[in-house]
Amino acid sequence: MKTFFSDSVGILFRAWGIYHYIPIFLVIFGVCLIFLFRKKIRASGKDKTIRYILGSIGIVSEISLQLWIFLNGNYNLRENLPIGLCAFSLFMGIYVMFTKSYKVFEIAYFWAIGGVVSVLFPDILFGPDRFRYYQFLFGHMIFFFMYMYMLFVNQYIPTWKSFKKSFIILLFIVVVIIIPVNNIFQSNFMYLLEPGDTPFTLFWGNGYILYLIGCISLSILVMFVWFSPIALYLKLQKKQKSE
């Protein structure tokens, strides 16, 4: 058991191996379940209970991560402050689960795709014989499910105005907080100092400014692609109302 919770690498995580495909499958399966049972959940009167369960799991996930880091003697503010995009998405998702705040949902919805990106391109070394493997992958899944739950069950639909708000706030966070913190403390929040094992490697090696421009541009593109099915839905709804 002690080995399971240690920060030493046992089975090495390998991208696109069986232990990578399993969480990817679980993301798809979980979203399908939420969609298929959306009407039954609404009719059951259990919405509040389910939201509170999802929010509580999110809290436990973050606390367990901080405890794991601390108990392994690796905690330092330079690397472990929860100010990454996924952390913001998690905290805001937890808030939405307990308050049903649409104003928070419409901003963080666009950031939640980071949970899927992190499952597709996990920046971890730990395999299934270590706690961190489960915490990392399921921790990112759970906050993504929070937003899918509000989208399908509570029918919270973000708009183009939501997209603009989300982009402006994210850009503000990146420029005013993340980039200065990374450069002052040589940390790597949001992978904006160096790419690690992320798609940001596409922009690495051409200078720091071009790297930042590439990272921000790719993030905007991903947010736009993530929003495009809803944008199409909104367009069809508008067309139907005008006929």
C-alpha atoms as a PDB file:
ATOM      1  CA  MET A   1       0.000   0.000   0.000  1.00  0.00           C
ATOM      2  CA  LYS A   2       2.851   2.380   0.828  1.00  0.00           C
ATOM      3  CA  THR A   3       4.327   1.764  -2.613  1.00  0.00           C
ATOM      4  CA  PHE A   4       0.951   2.495  -4.239  1.00  0.00           C
ATOM      5  CA  PHE A   5       0.928   6.009  -2.759  1.00  0.00           C
ATOM      6  CA  SER A   6       4.626   6.720  -3.315  1.00  0.00           C
ATOM      7  CA  ASP A   7       5.992   9.127  -5.910  1.00  0.00           C
ATOM      8  CA  SER A   8       8.395   6.562  -7.329  1.00  0.00           C
ATOM      9  CA  VAL A   9       7.615   5.273 -10.799  1.00  0.00           C
ATOM     10  CA  GLY A  10       6.706   1.600 -11.029  1.00  0.00           C
ATOM     11  CA  ILE A  11       4.877   0.680 -14.222  1.00  0.00           C
ATOM     12  CA  LEU A  12       5.748   3.432 -16.691  1.00  0.00           C
ATOM     13  CA  PHE A  13       2.758   5.113 -18.307  1.00  0.00           C
ATOM     14  CA  ARG A  14       2.842   4.680 -22.067  1.00  0.00           C
ATOM     15  CA  ALA A  15       0.793   6.899 -24.332  1.00  0.00           C
ATOM     16  CA  TRP A  16      -1.719   5.043 -26.513  1.00  0.00           C
ATOM     17  CA  GLY A  17      -1.332   1.809 -24.600  1.00  0.00           C
ATOM     18  CA  ILE A  18      -4.114  -0.120 -22.884  1.00  0.00           C
ATOM     19  CA  TYR A  19      -3.885   1.979 -19.714  1.00  0.00           C
ATOM     20  CA  HIS A  20      -4.318   5.089 -21.833  1.00  0.00           C
ATOM     21  CA  TYR A  21      -7.229   3.776 -23.905  1.00  0.00           C
ATOM     22  CA  ILE A  22      -9.216   2.787 -20.799  1.00  0.00           C
ATOM     23  CA  PRO A  23      -9.645   6.361 -19.447  1.00  0.00           C
ATOM     24  CA  ILE A  24     -10.372   7.648 -22.969  1.00  0.00           C
ATOM     25  CA  PHE A  25     -13.130   5.047 -23.252  1.00  0.00           C
ATOM     26  CA  LEU A  26     -14.450   6.022 -19.810  1.00  0.00           C
ATOM     27  CA  VAL A  27     -14.714   9.689 -20.853  1.00  0.00           C
ATOM     28  CA  ILE A  28     -16.803   8.738 -23.891  1.00  0.00           C
ATOM     29  CA  PHE A  29     -18.864   6.247 -21.899  1.00  0.00           C
ATOM     30  CA  GLY A  30     -19.511   8.738 -19.090  1.00  0.00           C
ATOM     31  CA  VAL A  31     -20.682  11.494 -21.444  1.00  0.00           C
ATOM     32  CA  CYS A  32     -22.964   9.031 -23.254  1.00  0.00           C
ATOM     33  CA  LEU A  33     -24.500   7.953 -19.934  1.00  0.00           C
ATOM     34  CA  ILE A  34     -25.178  11.559 -18.909  1.00  0.00           C
ATOM     35  CA  PHE A  35     -26.790  12.260 -22.277  1.00  0.00           C
ATOM     36  CA  LEU A  36     -28.901   9.083 -22.369  1.00  0.00           C
ATOM     37  CA  PHE A  37     -30.200   9.489 -18.808  1.00  0.00           C
ATOM     38  CA  ARG A  38     -30.653  13.273 -18.882  1.00  0.00           C
ATOM     39  CA  LYS A  39     -34.468  13.154 -19.031  1.00  0.00           C
ATOM     40  CA  LYS A  40     -34.727  10.459 -16.358  1.00  0.00           C
ATOM     41  CA  ILE A  41     -32.502  12.482 -14.036  1.00  0.00           C
ATOM     42  CA  ARG A  42     -34.630  15.580 -14.550  1.00  0.00           C
ATOM     43  CA  ALA A  43     -37.810  13.628 -13.852  1.00  0.00           C
ATOM     44  CA  SER A  44     -36.380  11.803 -10.832  1.00  0.00           C
ATOM     45  CA  GLY A  45     -35.866  14.879  -8.673  1.00  0.00           C
ATOM     46  CA  LYS A  46     -32.321  13.690  -7.927  1.00  0.00           C
ATOM     47  CA  ASP A  47     -30.547  16.519  -9.734  1.00  0.00           C
ATOM     48  CA  LYS A  48     -29.367  18.244  -6.555  1.00  0.00           C
ATOM     49  CA  THR A  49     -28.101  14.984  -5.059  1.00  0.00           C
ATOM     50  CA  ILE A  50     -26.138  14.099  -8.190  1.00  0.00           C
ATOM     51  CA  ARG A  51     -24.665  17.592  -8.466  1.00  0.00           C
ATOM     52  CA  TYR A  52     -23.578  17.499  -4.843  1.00  0.00           C
ATOM     53  CA  ILE A  53     -21.989  14.074  -5.349  1.00  0.00           C
ATOM     54  CA  LEU A  54     -20.043  15.284  -8.400  1.00  0.00           C
ATOM     55  CA  GLY A  55     -18.949  18.417  -6.547  1.00  0.00           C
ATOM     56  CA  SER A  56     -17.859  16.404  -3.517  1.00  0.00           C
ATOM     57  CA  ILE A  57     -15.850  14.001  -5.667  1.00  0.00           C
ATOM     58  CA  GLY A  58     -14.112  17.016  -7.193  1.00  0.00           C
ATOM     59  CA  ILE A  59     -13.214  18.341  -3.731  1.00  0.00           C
ATOM     60  CA  VAL A  60     -11.891  14.945  -2.611  1.00  0.00           C
ATOM     61  CA  SER A  61      -9.852  14.663  -5.821  1.00  0.00           C
ATOM     62  CA  GLU A  62      -8.083  17.982  -5.257  1.00  0.00           C
ATOM     63  CA  ILE A  63      -7.503  17.400  -1.541  1.00  0.00           C
ATOM     64  CA  SER A  64      -6.091  13.939  -2.237  1.00  0.00           C
ATOM     65  CA  LEU A  65      -3.650  15.424  -4.771  1.00  0.00           C
ATOM     66  CA  GLN A  66      -2.403  18.063  -2.356  1.00  0.00           C
ATOM     67  CA  LEU A  67      -2.031  15.447   0.410  1.00  0.00           C
ATOM     68  CA  TRP A  68      -0.172  13.086  -1.943  1.00  0.00           C
ATOM     69  CA  ILE A  69       2.290  15.824  -2.870  1.00  0.00           C
ATOM     70  CA  PHE A  70       2.741  16.947   0.745  1.00  0.00           C
ATOM     71  CA  LEU A  71       3.122  13.468   2.265  1.00  0.00           C
ATOM     72  CA  ASN A  72       5.728  12.550  -0.330  1.00  0.00           C
ATOM     73  CA  GLY A  73       7.732  15.609   0.713  1.00  0.00           C
ATOM     74  CA  ASN A  74       7.490  17.336  -2.659  1.00  0.00           C
ATOM     75  CA  TYR A  75       5.282  20.312  -1.876  1.00  0.00           C
ATOM     76  CA  ASN A  76       6.442  23.744  -2.965  1.00  0.00           C
ATOM     77  CA  LEU A  77       4.417  26.749  -4.046  1.00  0.00           C
ATOM     78  CA  ARG A  78       6.509  27.281  -7.168  1.00  0.00           C
ATOM     79  CA  GLU A  79       5.193  24.085  -8.717  1.00  0.00           C
ATOM     80  CA  ASN A  80       2.072  23.104  -6.810  1.00  0.00           C
ATOM     81  CA  LEU A  81      -0.117  26.184  -6.634  1.00  0.00           C
ATOM     82  CA  PRO A  82      -3.509  25.188  -8.107  1.00  0.00           C
ATOM     83  CA  ILE A  83      -3.585  27.934 -10.737  1.00  0.00           C
ATOM     84  CA  GLY A  84      -3.579  25.884 -13.932  1.00  0.00           C
ATOM     85  CA  LEU A  85      -6.486  25.921 -16.380  1.00  0.00           C
ATOM     86  CA  CYS A  86      -7.666  22.512 -15.205  1.00  0.00           C
ATOM     87  CA  ALA A  87      -7.563  23.663 -11.579  1.00  0.00           C
ATOM     88  CA  PHE A  88      -9.662  26.717 -12.425  1.00  0.00           C
ATOM     89  CA  SER A  89     -12.104  24.515 -14.328  1.00  0.00           C
ATOM     90  CA  LEU A  90     -12.331  22.138 -11.372  1.00  0.00           C
ATOM     91  CA  PHE A  91     -12.907  24.852  -8.755  1.00  0.00           C
ATOM     92  CA  MET A  92     -15.454  26.651 -10.898  1.00  0.00           C
ATOM     93  CA  GLY A  93     -17.156  23.350 -11.700  1.00  0.00           C
ATOM     94  CA  ILE A  94     -17.434  22.537  -8.002  1.00  0.00           C
ATOM     95  CA  TYR A  95     -18.967  25.961  -7.425  1.00  0.00           C
ATOM     96  CA  VAL A  96     -21.475  25.360 -10.218  1.00  0.00           C
ATOM     97  CA  MET A  97     -22.406  21.958  -8.769  1.00  0.00           C
ATOM     98  CA  PHE A  98     -23.375  23.517  -5.446  1.00  0.00           C
ATOM     99  CA  THR A  99     -24.900  26.768  -6.711  1.00  0.00           C
ATOM    100  CA  LYS A 100     -26.157  26.109 -10.274  1.00  0.00           C
ATOM    101  CA  SER A 101     -24.517  29.388 -11.296  1.00  0.00           C
ATOM    102  CA  TYR A 102     -24.922  29.874 -15.036  1.00  0.00           C
ATOM    103  CA  LYS A 103     -22.621  32.906 -14.973  1.00  0.00           C
ATOM    104  CA  VAL A 104     -19.726  30.761 -13.784  1.00  0.00           C
ATOM    105  CA  PHE A 105     -20.680  27.850 -16.044  1.00  0.00           C
ATOM    106  CA  GLU A 106     -20.706  29.932 -19.223  1.00  0.00           C
ATOM    107  CA  ILE A 107     -17.134  31.067 -18.610  1.00  0.00           C
ATOM    108  CA  ALA A 108     -15.549  27.813 -17.452  1.00  0.00           C
ATOM    109  CA  TYR A 109     -17.397  25.586 -19.944  1.00  0.00           C
ATOM    110  CA  PHE A 110     -14.883  26.499 -22.640  1.00  0.00           C
ATOM    111  CA  TRP A 111     -11.954  25.679 -20.370  1.00  0.00           C
ATOM    112  CA  ALA A 112     -13.372  22.279 -19.414  1.00  0.00           C
ATOM    113  CA  ILE A 113     -12.164  20.790 -22.689  1.00  0.00           C
ATOM    114  CA  GLY A 114      -8.769  20.869 -20.983  1.00  0.00           C
ATOM    115  CA  GLY A 115      -9.921  17.813 -19.036  1.00  0.00           C
ATOM    116  CA  VAL A 116     -10.258  15.814 -22.247  1.00  0.00           C
ATOM    117  CA  VAL A 117      -6.997  17.208 -23.641  1.00  0.00           C
ATOM    118  CA  SER A 118      -5.241  16.112 -20.433  1.00  0.00           C
ATOM    119  CA  VAL A 119      -6.671  12.609 -20.791  1.00  0.00           C
ATOM    120  CA  LEU A 120      -5.634  12.449 -24.447  1.00  0.00           C
ATOM    121  CA  PHE A 121      -2.155  13.845 -23.755  1.00  0.00           C
ATOM    122  CA  PRO A 122      -1.430  13.065 -20.079  1.00  0.00           C
ATOM    123  CA  ASP A 123       1.803  14.557 -18.799  1.00  0.00           C
ATOM    124  CA  ILE A 124       2.480  11.796 -16.256  1.00  0.00           C
ATOM    125  CA  LEU A 125       4.959   8.972 -15.797  1.00  0.00           C
ATOM    126  CA  PHE A 126       2.934   6.881 -13.340  1.00  0.00           C
ATOM    127  CA  GLY A 127       1.171   3.737 -14.469  1.00  0.00           C
ATOM    128  CA  PRO A 128      -1.784   1.839 -12.906  1.00  0.00           C
ATOM    129  CA  ASP A 129       0.250   0.581  -9.928  1.00  0.00           C
ATOM    130  CA  ARG A 130       0.434   4.112  -8.503  1.00  0.00           C
ATOM    131  CA  PHE A 131      -2.205   6.378  -6.941  1.00  0.00           C
ATOM    132  CA  ARG A 132      -1.184   9.367  -9.067  1.00  0.00           C
ATOM    133  CA  TYR A 133      -2.266   7.581 -12.270  1.00  0.00           C
ATOM    134  CA  TYR A 134      -5.853   7.342 -11.013  1.00  0.00           C
ATOM    135  CA  GLN A 135      -5.901  10.757  -9.398  1.00  0.00           C
ATOM    136  CA  PHE A 136      -4.611  12.494 -12.515  1.00  0.00           C
ATOM    137  CA  LEU A 137      -6.880  10.805 -15.046  1.00  0.00           C
ATOM    138  CA  PHE A 138     -10.067  10.540 -12.996  1.00  0.00           C
ATOM    139  CA  GLY A 139      -9.496  13.989 -11.517  1.00  0.00           C
ATOM    140  CA  HIS A 140      -9.569  15.473 -15.011  1.00  0.00           C
ATOM    141  CA  MET A 141     -12.551  13.364 -16.026  1.00  0.00           C
ATOM    142  CA  ILE A 142     -14.690  14.419 -13.093  1.00  0.00           C
ATOM    143  CA  PHE A 143     -14.664  18.143 -13.764  1.00  0.00           C
ATOM    144  CA  PHE A 144     -15.383  17.515 -17.447  1.00  0.00           C
ATOM    145  CA  PHE A 145     -18.396  15.437 -16.424  1.00  0.00           C
ATOM    146  CA  MET A 146     -19.603  18.340 -14.261  1.00  0.00           C
ATOM    147  CA  TYR A 147     -19.955  20.581 -17.296  1.00  0.00           C
ATOM    148  CA  MET A 148     -21.471  17.841 -19.432  1.00  0.00           C
ATOM    149  CA  TYR A 149     -23.979  17.235 -16.673  1.00  0.00           C
ATOM    150  CA  MET A 150     -25.050  20.888 -16.601  1.00  0.00           C
ATOM    151  CA  LEU A 151     -25.155  21.010 -20.401  1.00  0.00           C
ATOM    152  CA  PHE A 152     -27.359  17.949 -20.886  1.00  0.00           C
ATOM    153  CA  VAL A 153     -29.325  17.628 -17.649  1.00  0.00           C
ATOM    154  CA  ASN A 154     -29.834  21.270 -16.683  1.00  0.00           C
ATOM    155  CA  GLN A 155     -29.748  22.467 -20.289  1.00  0.00           C
ATOM    156  CA  TYR A 156     -27.193  25.208 -19.650  1.00  0.00           C
ATOM    157  CA  ILE A 157     -26.280  26.418 -23.141  1.00  0.00           C
ATOM    158  CA  PRO A 158     -23.315  28.798 -23.567  1.00  0.00           C
ATOM    159  CA  THR A 159     -23.598  31.485 -26.246  1.00  0.00           C
ATOM    160  CA  TRP A 160     -21.257  33.528 -28.438  1.00  0.00           C
ATOM    161  CA  LYS A 161     -21.295  36.141 -25.697  1.00  0.00           C
ATOM    162  CA  SER A 162     -20.173  33.395 -23.290  1.00  0.00           C
ATOM    163  CA  PHE A 163     -17.333  32.509 -25.667  1.00  0.00           C
ATOM    164  CA  LYS A 164     -16.115  36.109 -25.750  1.00  0.00           C
ATOM    165  CA  LYS A 165     -16.291  36.411 -21.951  1.00  0.00           C
ATOM    166  CA  SER A 166     -14.400  33.159 -21.497  1.00  0.00           C
ATOM    167  CA  PHE A 167     -11.676  34.151 -23.951  1.00  0.00           C
ATOM    168  CA  ILE A 168     -11.173  37.632 -22.468  1.00  0.00           C
ATOM    169  CA  ILE A 169     -10.987  36.320 -18.898  1.00  0.00           C
ATOM    170  CA  LEU A 170      -8.599  33.524 -19.891  1.00  0.00           C
ATOM    171  CA  LEU A 171      -6.366  35.958 -21.753  1.00  0.00           C
ATOM    172  CA  PHE A 172      -6.332  38.244 -18.717  1.00  0.00           C
ATOM    173  CA  ILE A 173      -5.367  35.351 -16.414  1.00  0.00           C
ATOM    174  CA  VAL A 174      -2.597  34.246 -18.765  1.00  0.00           C
ATOM    175  CA  VAL A 175      -1.082  37.696 -19.350  1.00  0.00           C
ATOM    176  CA  VAL A 176      -1.490  39.179 -15.868  1.00  0.00           C
ATOM    177  CA  ILE A 177      -0.955  36.114 -13.665  1.00  0.00           C
ATOM    178  CA  ILE A 178       0.428  33.006 -15.361  1.00  0.00           C
ATOM    179  CA  ILE A 179       3.162  34.434 -17.590  1.00  0.00           C
ATOM    180  CA  PRO A 180       4.642  36.706 -14.859  1.00  0.00           C
ATOM    181  CA  VAL A 181       4.514  33.925 -12.244  1.00  0.00           C
ATOM    182  CA  ASN A 182       6.171  31.454 -14.619  1.00  0.00           C
ATOM    183  CA  ASN A 183       8.982  33.834 -15.502  1.00  0.00           C
ATOM    184  CA  ILE A 184       9.607  35.097 -11.968  1.00  0.00           C
ATOM    185  CA  PHE A 185       9.570  31.700 -10.248  1.00  0.00           C
ATOM    186  CA  GLN A 186      10.559  29.500 -13.237  1.00  0.00           C
ATOM    187  CA  SER A 187       7.379  27.475 -12.804  1.00  0.00           C
ATOM    188  CA  ASN A 188       5.426  26.027 -15.726  1.00  0.00           C
ATOM    189  CA  PHE A 189       1.752  26.658 -15.055  1.00  0.00           C
ATOM    190  CA  MET A 190      -0.458  25.961 -18.078  1.00  0.00           C
ATOM    191  CA  TYR A 191       2.740  24.764 -19.832  1.00  0.00           C
ATOM    192  CA  LEU A 192       3.426  28.363 -20.862  1.00  0.00           C
ATOM    193  CA  LEU A 193       7.122  28.238 -20.030  1.00  0.00           C
ATOM    194  CA  GLU A 194       7.898  24.956 -21.765  1.00  0.00           C
ATOM    195  CA  PRO A 195       5.634  22.342 -23.410  1.00  0.00           C
ATOM    196  CA  GLY A 196       6.306  19.130 -21.497  1.00  0.00           C
ATOM    197  CA  ASP A 197       4.523  16.223 -23.199  1.00  0.00           C
ATOM    198  CA  THR A 198       1.741  18.364 -24.630  1.00  0.00           C
ATOM    199  CA  PRO A 199       0.699  19.497 -28.127  1.00  0.00           C
ATOM    200  CA  PHE A 200       2.428  22.808 -27.339  1.00  0.00           C
ATOM    201  CA  THR A 201       5.640  21.101 -28.509  1.00  0.00           C
ATOM    202  CA  LEU A 202       4.517  22.214 -31.986  1.00  0.00           C
ATOM    203  CA  PHE A 203       5.631  25.755 -31.117  1.00  0.00           C
ATOM    204  CA  TRP A 204       8.780  24.952 -29.169  1.00  0.00           C
ATOM    205  CA  GLY A 205      12.178  26.041 -30.425  1.00  0.00           C
ATOM    206  CA  ASN A 206      11.316  29.293 -32.189  1.00  0.00           C
ATOM    207  CA  GLY A 207      11.706  31.694 -29.303  1.00  0.00           C
ATOM    208  CA  TYR A 208       9.619  32.345 -26.217  1.00  0.00           C
ATOM    209  CA  ILE A 209       7.324  35.018 -27.702  1.00  0.00           C
ATOM    210  CA  LEU A 210       6.407  32.865 -30.716  1.00  0.00           C
ATOM    211  CA  TYR A 211       5.902  29.932 -28.347  1.00  0.00           C
ATOM    212  CA  LEU A 212       3.405  31.957 -26.286  1.00  0.00           C
ATOM    213  CA  ILE A 213       1.598  33.180 -29.401  1.00  0.00           C
ATOM    214  CA  GLY A 214       1.365  29.613 -30.681  1.00  0.00           C
ATOM    215  CA  CYS A 215       0.075  28.273 -27.348  1.00  0.00           C
ATOM    216  CA  ILE A 216      -2.562  30.986 -27.008  1.00  0.00           C
ATOM    217  CA  SER A 217      -3.632  30.616 -30.645  1.00  0.00           C
ATOM    218  CA  LEU A 218      -3.985  26.840 -30.332  1.00  0.00           C
ATOM    219  CA  SER A 219      -5.974  27.241 -27.112  1.00  0.00           C
ATOM    220  CA  ILE A 220      -8.370  29.661 -28.819  1.00  0.00           C
ATOM    221  CA  LEU A 221      -8.750  27.258 -31.737  1.00  0.00           C
ATOM    222  CA  VAL A 222      -9.532  24.350 -29.405  1.00  0.00           C
ATOM    223  CA  MET A 223     -12.089  26.467 -27.543  1.00  0.00           C
ATOM    224  CA  PHE A 224     -13.698  27.436 -30.851  1.00  0.00           C
ATOM    225  CA  VAL A 225     -13.845  23.846 -32.123  1.00  0.00           C
ATOM    226  CA  TRP A 226     -15.255  22.776 -28.747  1.00  0.00           C
ATOM    227  CA  PHE A 227     -17.968  25.429 -29.070  1.00  0.00           C
ATOM    228  CA  SER A 228     -18.773  24.787 -32.753  1.00  0.00           C
ATOM    229  CA  PRO A 229     -21.486  22.079 -32.199  1.00  0.00           C
ATOM    230  CA  ILE A 230     -23.318  24.414 -29.817  1.00  0.00           C
ATOM    231  CA  ALA A 231     -22.855  27.330 -32.232  1.00  0.00           C
ATOM    232  CA  LEU A 232     -24.500  25.203 -34.923  1.00  0.00           C
ATOM    233  CA  TYR A 233     -27.298  24.292 -32.514  1.00  0.00           C
ATOM    234  CA  LEU A 234     -27.892  27.969 -31.671  1.00  0.00           C
ATOM    235  CA  LYS A 235     -27.964  28.828 -35.377  1.00  0.00           C
ATOM    236  CA  LEU A 236     -30.559  26.130 -36.089  1.00  0.00           C
ATOM    237  CA  GLN A 237     -32.660  27.265 -33.125  1.00  0.00           C
ATOM    238  CA  LYS A 238     -32.591  30.845 -34.387  1.00  0.00           C
ATOM    239  CA  LYS A 239     -33.552  29.698 -37.880  1.00  0.00           C
ATOM    240  CA  GLN A 240     -36.504  27.680 -36.570  1.00  0.00           C
ATOM    241  CA  LYS A 241     -37.809  30.628 -34.560  1.00  0.00           C
ATOM    242  CA  SER A 242     -37.631  32.938 -37.580  1.00  0.00           C
ATOM    243  CA  GLU A 243     -39.625  30.555 -39.811  1.00  0.00           C
END
